[in-house]
Protein backbone atom coordinates (compact mmCIF):
# COMPACT_ATOMS: atom_id res chain seq x y z
CA MET A 1 111.25 153.61 99.93
CA PRO A 2 111.31 157.24 98.64
CA PRO A 3 111.16 157.63 94.86
CA ARG A 4 114.48 158.13 93.09
CA PRO A 5 115.04 161.09 90.76
CA GLY A 6 113.09 160.70 87.57
CA PHE A 7 110.02 159.16 89.20
CA LEU A 8 106.92 160.92 90.45
CA ALA A 9 106.02 160.57 94.13
CA ARG A 10 102.37 160.36 93.04
CA PRO A 11 102.47 159.17 89.41
CA HIS A 12 99.80 160.52 87.13
CA HIS A 13 98.05 158.76 84.28
CA LEU A 14 100.51 156.60 82.35
CA ALA A 15 103.81 157.73 83.91
CA PRO A 16 106.15 154.86 84.91
CA GLU A 17 106.63 154.13 88.60
CA GLU A 18 109.79 153.09 90.40
CA ARG A 19 109.96 149.43 91.36
CA VAL A 20 109.22 148.89 95.05
CA HIS A 21 107.99 145.27 95.12
CA GLU A 22 110.63 142.57 95.51
CA SER A 23 108.50 139.70 94.23
CA VAL A 24 108.01 138.97 90.53
CA ARG A 25 104.69 140.38 89.29
CA PRO A 26 102.05 138.35 87.37
CA LEU A 27 102.64 140.36 84.18
CA GLU A 28 106.31 139.38 84.22
CA LEU A 29 105.37 135.70 84.43
CA TYR A 30 102.88 136.22 81.61
CA PHE A 31 105.55 138.04 79.59
CA ASP A 32 108.01 135.16 80.05
CA LEU A 33 105.57 132.69 78.50
CA VAL A 34 106.49 134.04 75.08
CA PHE A 35 110.11 133.20 75.80
CA VAL A 36 109.04 129.66 76.59
CA LEU A 37 107.72 129.50 73.03
CA GLY A 38 111.04 130.93 71.85
CA PHE A 39 112.96 128.16 73.66
CA THR A 40 110.62 125.57 72.17
CA GLN A 41 111.13 127.01 68.70
CA CYS A 42 114.91 126.85 69.11
CA THR A 43 114.56 123.15 69.87
CA ALA A 44 112.20 122.78 66.88
CA LEU A 45 114.78 124.44 64.63
CA MET A 46 117.42 121.93 65.74
CA VAL A 47 115.01 118.98 65.45
CA ALA A 48 114.12 119.99 61.89
CA ARG A 49 117.83 120.28 61.02
CA PRO A 50 119.59 117.65 63.19
CA THR A 51 123.08 118.52 61.98
CA TRP A 52 126.01 120.41 63.45
CA ASP A 53 124.91 123.47 61.46
CA GLY A 54 121.35 123.16 62.73
CA ILE A 55 122.48 122.94 66.35
CA GLY A 56 124.75 125.93 65.82
CA HIS A 57 121.88 127.94 64.37
CA GLY A 58 119.68 127.02 67.34
CA VAL A 59 122.30 128.22 69.82
CA LEU A 60 122.78 131.51 67.92
CA VAL A 61 119.05 132.22 67.93
CA LEU A 62 118.86 131.30 71.62
CA ALA A 63 121.67 133.78 72.37
CA VAL A 64 119.75 136.56 70.60
CA LEU A 65 116.51 135.74 72.44
CA TRP A 66 118.38 135.49 75.74
CA TRP A 67 119.80 139.00 75.47
CA ALA A 68 116.35 140.42 74.78
CA TRP A 69 115.07 138.69 77.92
CA VAL A 70 118.07 139.97 79.89
CA GLY A 71 117.25 143.54 78.86
CA TYR A 72 113.71 143.25 80.18
CA SER A 73 114.93 141.64 83.41
CA TRP A 74 116.99 144.77 84.12
CA LEU A 75 114.16 147.05 83.02
CA THR A 76 111.55 145.56 85.33
CA SER A 77 113.98 145.73 88.25
CA VAL A 78 113.88 149.53 87.83
CA ILE A 79 110.22 150.20 87.07
CA GLU A 80 106.94 148.58 88.04
CA PRO A 81 105.82 146.43 85.10
CA GLU A 82 102.11 146.63 85.88
CA GLU A 83 101.75 150.39 86.29
CA GLY A 84 101.27 153.19 83.79
CA VAL A 85 102.40 152.92 80.21
CA VAL A 86 104.73 150.06 81.08
CA ARG A 87 101.88 147.53 81.21
CA LEU A 88 100.73 148.46 77.70
CA ALA A 89 104.27 148.54 76.35
CA LEU A 90 105.09 145.09 77.72
CA ILE A 91 101.97 143.65 76.11
CA ALA A 92 103.02 145.25 72.82
CA ALA A 93 106.50 143.77 73.25
CA MET A 94 104.90 140.36 73.80
CA ALA A 95 103.21 140.63 70.41
CA GLY A 96 106.56 141.42 68.84
CA LEU A 97 108.19 138.52 70.67
CA LEU A 98 105.50 136.17 69.43
CA VAL A 99 106.36 137.13 65.85
CA VAL A 100 110.06 136.65 66.64
CA ALA A 101 109.38 133.18 68.08
CA LEU A 102 107.26 132.16 65.10
CA CYS A 103 110.12 133.17 62.79
CA VAL A 104 112.78 131.19 64.67
CA PRO A 105 112.63 128.01 62.51
CA GLY A 106 113.20 130.14 59.40
CA ALA A 107 115.51 132.75 60.92
CA PHE A 108 118.39 131.63 58.68
CA ASP A 109 116.14 131.21 55.65
CA ASP A 110 113.14 133.06 54.28
CA ASP A 111 111.97 134.49 57.63
CA GLY A 112 115.27 136.15 58.50
CA ARG A 113 114.16 139.65 57.56
CA THR A 114 110.88 139.40 59.44
CA PHE A 115 112.74 138.00 62.45
CA ALA A 116 115.14 140.97 62.48
CA ILE A 117 112.37 143.58 62.11
CA ALA A 118 110.20 142.07 64.85
CA TYR A 119 113.25 141.71 67.09
CA GLY A 120 114.08 145.37 66.46
CA VAL A 121 110.59 146.36 67.60
CA VAL A 122 110.98 144.33 70.81
CA ARG A 123 114.31 145.96 71.60
CA ALA A 124 113.00 149.43 70.70
CA VAL A 125 110.17 149.09 73.22
CA HIS A 126 112.73 148.08 75.84
CA ILE A 127 114.96 151.10 75.13
CA GLY A 128 111.97 153.45 75.02
CA LEU A 129 110.79 152.34 78.47
CA PHE A 130 114.32 152.70 79.85
CA VAL A 131 114.47 156.26 78.50
CA LEU A 132 111.29 157.07 80.44
CA ALA A 133 112.68 155.38 83.54
CA SER A 134 115.93 157.38 83.36
CA ARG A 135 114.36 160.84 83.45
CA GLY A 136 116.12 162.88 86.10
CA GLY A 137 118.78 160.21 86.62
CA PRO A 138 121.85 161.29 84.60
CA GLY A 139 123.86 158.16 85.41
CA LEU A 140 121.12 155.83 84.24
CA ARG A 141 120.41 158.02 81.21
CA ARG A 142 124.05 157.80 80.06
CA SER A 143 123.97 154.02 80.43
CA VAL A 144 120.70 153.82 78.48
CA VAL A 145 122.10 155.93 75.62
CA THR A 146 125.18 153.72 75.23
CA HIS A 147 123.04 150.61 75.50
CA ALA A 148 120.73 151.97 72.80
CA ALA A 149 123.71 152.40 70.46
CA THR A 150 124.91 148.80 70.80
CA THR A 151 121.34 147.50 70.55
CA ALA A 152 120.72 149.42 67.33
CA ALA A 153 123.99 148.15 65.86
CA ALA A 154 123.06 144.54 66.70
CA VAL A 155 119.60 144.84 65.16
CA ILE A 156 121.04 146.39 61.98
CA LEU A 157 123.55 143.55 61.73
CA LEU A 158 120.80 140.95 62.12
CA PHE A 159 118.80 142.64 59.37
CA GLY A 160 121.89 142.69 57.16
CA ALA A 161 122.50 139.01 57.88
CA SER A 162 119.17 138.18 56.22
CA PHE A 163 120.74 139.18 52.87
CA ALA A 164 123.79 136.95 53.34
CA THR A 165 124.11 133.19 52.91
CA ASP A 166 126.01 130.28 54.39
CA TRP A 167 129.10 131.17 56.42
CA GLY A 168 128.67 134.87 55.74
CA GLN A 169 125.24 134.88 57.34
CA GLU A 170 126.44 132.98 60.39
CA ALA A 171 129.44 135.30 60.78
CA VAL A 172 127.20 138.37 60.79
CA TRP A 173 124.96 136.75 63.41
CA VAL A 174 127.99 136.09 65.62
CA LEU A 175 129.13 139.70 65.18
CA ALA A 176 125.67 141.00 66.10
CA ILE A 177 125.65 138.90 69.28
CA LEU A 178 129.16 140.07 70.24
CA VAL A 179 128.26 143.73 69.73
CA ASP A 180 125.12 143.36 71.82
CA TRP A 181 126.67 141.30 74.61
CA ILE A 182 129.99 143.09 74.96
CA GLY A 183 128.40 146.54 75.21
CA PRO A 184 127.69 146.42 78.99
CA ALA A 185 131.16 145.04 79.70
CA VAL A 186 133.02 147.65 77.64
CA LEU A 187 130.85 150.74 78.10
CA GLY A 188 130.22 150.29 81.80
CA ILE A 189 127.16 149.72 83.98
CA ASP A 190 127.65 152.27 86.75
CA GLY A 191 124.30 153.93 86.07
CA TRP A 192 122.16 150.80 86.15
CA ARG A 193 119.94 150.00 89.13
CA LEU A 194 118.25 146.84 90.33
CA VAL A 195 116.22 145.31 93.16
CA PRO A 196 118.35 142.27 94.10
CA ALA A 197 115.56 140.02 95.40
CA HIS A 198 113.44 140.63 92.30
CA PHE A 199 116.41 140.28 89.95
CA THR A 200 117.52 136.92 91.31
CA GLU A 201 113.96 135.58 91.32
CA ARG A 202 113.60 136.41 87.63
CA TYR A 203 116.67 134.34 86.80
CA ASN A 204 115.53 131.50 89.02
CA LEU A 205 112.29 131.44 87.06
CA VAL A 206 114.01 131.44 83.68
CA ILE A 207 115.94 128.33 84.73
CA ILE A 208 112.57 126.75 85.60
CA LEU A 209 111.23 127.79 82.18
CA ALA A 210 114.20 126.17 80.46
CA LEU A 211 113.71 122.98 82.48
CA GLY A 212 110.06 123.12 81.47
CA GLU A 213 111.20 123.05 77.84
CA SER A 214 113.02 119.78 78.58
CA ILE A 215 109.76 118.31 79.87
CA VAL A 216 107.95 119.55 76.74
CA ALA A 217 110.69 117.91 74.64
CA LEU A 218 110.09 114.61 76.44
CA GLY A 219 106.40 114.89 75.61
CA ALA A 220 107.19 115.61 71.96
CA GLY A 221 109.54 112.64 71.77
CA ALA A 222 106.91 110.36 73.27
CA GLU A 223 104.28 111.14 70.60
CA ARG A 224 104.23 107.55 69.37
CA GLU A 225 103.23 104.13 70.68
CA LEU A 226 103.83 104.04 74.42
CA THR A 227 106.04 100.99 74.63
CA ALA A 228 107.93 99.98 77.75
CA GLY A 229 111.10 101.48 76.27
CA VAL A 230 109.44 104.85 75.68
CA LEU A 231 108.04 104.95 79.22
CA VAL A 232 111.41 104.05 80.75
CA ALA A 233 113.11 106.73 78.65
CA ALA A 234 110.51 109.28 79.77
CA VAL A 235 111.11 108.47 83.44
CA LEU A 236 114.90 108.64 82.97
CA GLY A 237 114.51 111.98 81.18
CA VAL A 238 112.50 113.44 84.07
CA SER A 239 115.19 112.13 86.40
CA VAL A 240 117.88 114.04 84.46
CA ALA A 241 115.79 117.22 84.46
CA SER A 242 115.20 116.83 88.20
CA ALA A 243 118.92 116.41 88.82
CA LEU A 244 119.64 119.61 86.91
CA TRP A 245 116.98 121.37 89.00
CA TRP A 246 118.51 120.06 92.23
CA ILE A 247 122.05 121.07 91.30
CA TYR A 248 120.96 124.70 90.91
CA PHE A 249 118.14 125.25 93.37
CA ASP A 250 119.33 123.24 96.37
CA VAL A 251 121.96 125.78 97.42
CA VAL A 252 123.56 127.55 94.42
CA SER A 253 120.65 129.91 93.75
CA LEU A 254 120.35 130.77 97.45
CA GLY A 255 124.02 131.54 97.95
CA ASN A 256 124.35 133.68 94.85
CA ALA A 257 121.18 135.61 95.67
CA ARG A 258 122.61 136.36 99.09
CA ARG A 259 125.89 137.52 97.59
CA LEU A 260 124.06 139.92 95.29
CA ARG A 261 122.02 141.35 98.17
CA ALA A 262 125.18 141.82 100.24
CA ALA A 263 127.20 143.51 97.48
CA THR A 264 127.69 147.26 97.74
CA VAL A 265 125.00 149.09 95.78
CA GLY A 266 126.25 150.60 92.55
CA ARG A 267 129.13 149.45 90.40
CA THR A 268 130.03 146.39 92.53
CA GLN A 269 126.49 145.07 92.72
CA ASN A 270 125.77 145.84 89.06
CA ALA A 271 128.92 144.06 87.88
CA LEU A 272 128.10 141.01 89.98
CA ALA A 273 124.55 140.93 88.60
CA ARG A 274 125.76 141.34 85.02
CA ASP A 275 128.44 138.65 85.23
CA SER A 276 126.78 136.07 87.49
CA TYR A 277 123.30 136.34 86.04
CA SER A 278 123.09 138.05 82.65
CA TYR A 279 126.23 136.39 81.28
CA LEU A 280 126.81 133.16 83.23
CA HIS A 281 123.22 131.94 83.36
CA PHE A 282 123.18 131.68 79.58
CA PRO A 283 125.39 128.55 79.38
CA MET A 284 123.06 126.95 81.92
CA VAL A 285 119.97 127.74 79.85
CA ALA A 286 121.69 126.74 76.60
CA GLY A 287 122.87 123.50 78.19
CA ILE A 288 119.34 122.64 79.29
CA VAL A 289 117.92 123.36 75.82
CA LEU A 290 120.60 121.22 74.17
CA ALA A 291 120.02 118.40 76.63
CA ALA A 292 116.30 118.65 75.85
CA LEU A 293 117.10 118.10 72.18
CA GLY A 294 119.06 114.97 73.06
CA MET A 295 116.30 113.67 75.32
CA GLU A 296 113.64 114.21 72.65
CA GLU A 297 115.70 112.15 70.21
CA THR A 298 116.20 109.48 72.85
CA LEU A 299 112.46 109.00 73.30
CA ALA A 300 111.88 109.01 69.56
CA HIS A 301 114.56 106.33 68.92
CA HIS A 302 115.32 104.85 72.33
CA ASP A 303 116.49 101.51 70.95
CA GLU A 304 118.99 103.05 68.52
CA ALA A 305 122.32 104.73 69.11
CA LEU A 306 122.39 108.52 69.04
CA ASP A 307 124.20 110.12 66.13
CA GLY A 308 127.05 112.55 66.72
CA PRO A 309 125.02 115.79 66.93
CA HIS A 310 122.40 114.34 69.28
CA ALA A 311 124.97 112.62 71.50
CA ALA A 312 126.85 115.92 71.75
CA ALA A 313 123.59 117.76 72.49
CA LEU A 314 122.65 115.41 75.36
CA LEU A 315 126.04 114.89 77.02
CA GLY A 316 127.58 118.17 75.91
CA GLY A 317 124.48 120.10 76.96
CA ILE A 318 124.66 118.75 80.49
CA ALA A 319 128.41 119.41 80.52
CA LEU A 320 127.79 123.01 79.41
CA TYR A 321 125.24 123.38 82.22
CA LEU A 322 127.81 122.18 84.77
CA LEU A 323 130.52 124.44 83.33
CA GLY A 324 128.11 127.35 83.78
CA HIS A 325 128.06 126.46 87.48
CA VAL A 326 131.85 126.26 87.57
CA ASP A 327 132.15 129.71 85.98
CA LEU A 328 129.50 131.11 88.31
CA ARG A 329 131.44 129.95 91.35
CA LEU A 330 134.69 131.28 89.92
CA ARG A 331 133.12 134.73 89.43
CA SER A 332 131.20 134.99 92.68
CA ALA A 333 133.47 133.12 95.13
CA HIS A 334 136.82 133.11 93.29
CA SER A 335 137.28 129.34 93.48
CA ILE A 336 136.55 126.26 91.37
CA ASN A 337 134.20 123.36 92.01
CA PRO A 338 136.40 120.39 91.04
CA GLN A 339 133.59 117.79 91.16
CA ARG A 340 131.36 119.58 88.67
CA LEU A 341 134.30 120.46 86.43
CA ALA A 342 135.48 116.85 86.40
CA LEU A 343 132.00 115.53 85.61
CA ALA A 344 131.64 118.00 82.73
CA VAL A 345 134.95 116.81 81.26
CA VAL A 346 133.94 113.15 81.63
CA LEU A 347 130.58 113.74 79.91
CA VAL A 348 132.25 115.40 76.93
CA ALA A 349 134.76 112.55 76.70
CA LEU A 350 131.91 110.02 76.62
CA VAL A 351 130.21 111.53 73.54
CA PRO A 352 131.89 109.05 71.12
CA ALA A 353 130.83 106.13 73.31
CA ALA A 354 127.23 107.36 73.26
CA THR A 355 127.14 106.81 69.51
CA GLN A 356 127.90 103.11 70.00
CA VAL A 357 125.18 102.07 72.49
CA SER A 358 121.41 102.53 72.53
CA ALA A 359 120.06 105.96 73.45
CA LEU A 360 118.24 104.40 76.40
CA VAL A 361 121.51 103.08 77.82
CA THR A 362 123.11 106.50 77.37
CA LEU A 363 120.27 108.26 79.17
CA ALA A 364 120.41 105.75 82.03
CA ALA A 365 124.18 106.15 82.27
CA VAL A 366 123.91 109.96 82.44
CA ASN A 367 121.65 109.71 85.49
CA VAL A 368 124.19 107.82 87.58
CA PRO A 369 126.99 110.42 87.93
CA LEU A 370 124.49 113.29 88.27
CA TRP A 371 122.76 111.72 91.27
CA VAL A 372 126.05 110.50 92.75
CA LEU A 373 127.30 114.11 92.57
CA ILE A 374 124.15 115.32 94.32
CA ALA A 375 124.45 112.67 97.06
CA LEU A 376 128.13 113.45 97.71
CA GLU A 377 127.59 117.21 97.86
CA THR A 378 124.53 116.88 100.09
CA ARG A 379 126.44 114.71 102.53
CA ARG A 380 129.55 116.85 102.43
CA TYR A 381 127.81 120.12 103.22
CA GLY A 382 125.73 118.74 106.09
CA ASP A 383 124.68 121.27 108.70
CA SER A 384 125.94 124.28 106.74
CA ARG A 385 123.64 123.38 103.84
CA TYR A 386 120.72 123.13 106.26
CA ARG A 387 121.50 126.51 107.82
CA LEU A 388 121.72 128.21 104.45
CA ARG A 389 118.46 126.69 103.21
CA HIS A 390 116.67 127.85 106.37
CA GLY A 391 117.95 131.41 106.25
CA LEU A 392 120.28 131.15 109.23
CA ASP A 393 123.33 133.38 109.49
CA ILE A 394 126.26 131.89 107.60
CA PRO A 395 128.96 134.27 106.32
CA LEU A 396 129.59 133.34 102.70
CA PRO A 397 132.93 134.00 100.99
CA GLY A 398 132.31 136.79 98.51
CA THR A 399 129.84 138.69 100.74
CA ALA A 400 129.86 141.15 103.56
CA ASP A 401 129.41 139.59 107.01
CA PRO A 402 125.91 139.56 108.53
CA ALA A 403 126.64 142.63 110.63
CA THR A 404 127.24 144.77 107.54
CA ASP A 405 124.79 143.00 105.25
CA GLY A 406 122.03 145.53 105.65
CA ALA A 407 124.38 148.47 105.28
CA ALA A 408 125.71 147.10 102.01
CA ARG A 409 122.21 146.58 100.63
CA ASN A 410 121.32 150.17 101.45
CA GLY A 411 124.46 151.56 99.88
CA ALA A 412 126.03 152.51 103.22
CA SER A 413 129.77 152.46 103.69
CA THR A 414 131.22 149.00 104.35
CA ASP A 415 134.62 147.42 104.02
CA GLU A 416 135.57 148.06 100.39
CA GLY A 417 136.66 144.48 99.82
CA ALA A 418 133.74 142.79 101.56
CA ALA A 419 131.65 142.32 98.46
CA ASP A 420 134.47 140.59 96.63
CA GLN A 421 136.17 138.78 99.46
CA PRO A 422 138.73 136.31 98.06
CA ALA A 423 138.29 132.60 98.58
CA ASP A 424 141.40 132.44 100.79
CA ALA A 425 139.91 134.83 103.36
CA PRO A 426 140.01 133.72 107.03
CA ALA A 427 138.18 130.43 107.44
CA THR A 428 134.66 130.39 108.81
CA ASP A 429 132.29 127.57 109.66
CA ILE A 430 130.85 127.70 106.16
CA ASP A 431 134.31 127.63 104.60
CA ALA A 432 135.15 124.43 106.40
CA THR A 433 132.07 122.52 105.40
CA ILE A 434 130.61 123.87 102.18
CA ALA A 435 132.29 124.91 98.94
CA PRO A 436 132.06 128.69 98.36
CA GLY A 437 130.20 128.52 95.07
CA ASP A 438 127.70 125.83 96.01
CA ARG A 439 125.22 127.68 98.16
């Protein structure tokens, strides 16, 4: 692959290099470990304050951390993370992120100012590296400048929030998140670039990291006498986490990765990446973290009923995760998954009932519809599911057909509507046997 404008064909010293590897590099995995601590700290914040306010604070902090991670996922899809100055800068950003994570439990109290300053440093490193990466690329440079403006505004708002209290502080946090998140949607993303295979793998891994936090939460909840009830709750908790893994990685991650690869390079591909991954993977991650909170409480008090906040965290978190899948399908394939939507609604409706029975019964009951859903979908998709999982040619709604797949990935001219083919396009074998958004 020839270097794009702004990159040296033979980089010298510490100059950044254009990304050419599709696989995630070891430094990126190392970098993400700090975000694991951030996820854990969000759970710790909610555990320390097991109220509706505490859960709300945890979700707000998670949204701020998520957008920082999203920024670096786009950055390292443009430049090689392990070459030149980028390696040193990412290690420096890790130090800043560690300070941010340590401040999470007190982000709405005494550590709010330190949180905002450290977060500003992390985002400044990100913008600085993007400025270096955009040299000679006017489209990317314009996008970086507008992104820098919304980032700076968000960081200033977070710093200002540390001087406010109660509802005022929370309102400023919400405003900061809106400014940061809405920027790419309002100001455009035409100049951004990405390597689709690398980009999708990063988001697959962050789902794994979030699921890992649920396992850590189970361990934290089991830090007491290992009675039969605790062991049963632990096994049921792993079963829930495994079901959430299956629902995403069996076919959904594969189908959406293929759609992104097939989308026309430029605005179409960037918009699909922004919406399907940067935006719509957040409710999945947030749902997993909330469910982890509920599972930790279940292990700690398995023979007691969950209170309202913890019941909402467990059942509502899983529902939020499923709704993220529904939204993802709606965006990428322009249709709705009725089974997952119905299950999400049922789980939310069962929150009051979960406060009336033991936490162990609730956790056992949650397992049943999740695994029934998996069994029904696996049987329904049959051969088409097998073909997709083994890389065989199956035209997916929302992608170009296999004949034009390579052309689309290389930015060549294809049918203008191929990348966003509507769900009511002419039926194919895959249409008849597998739901468009569940691949």
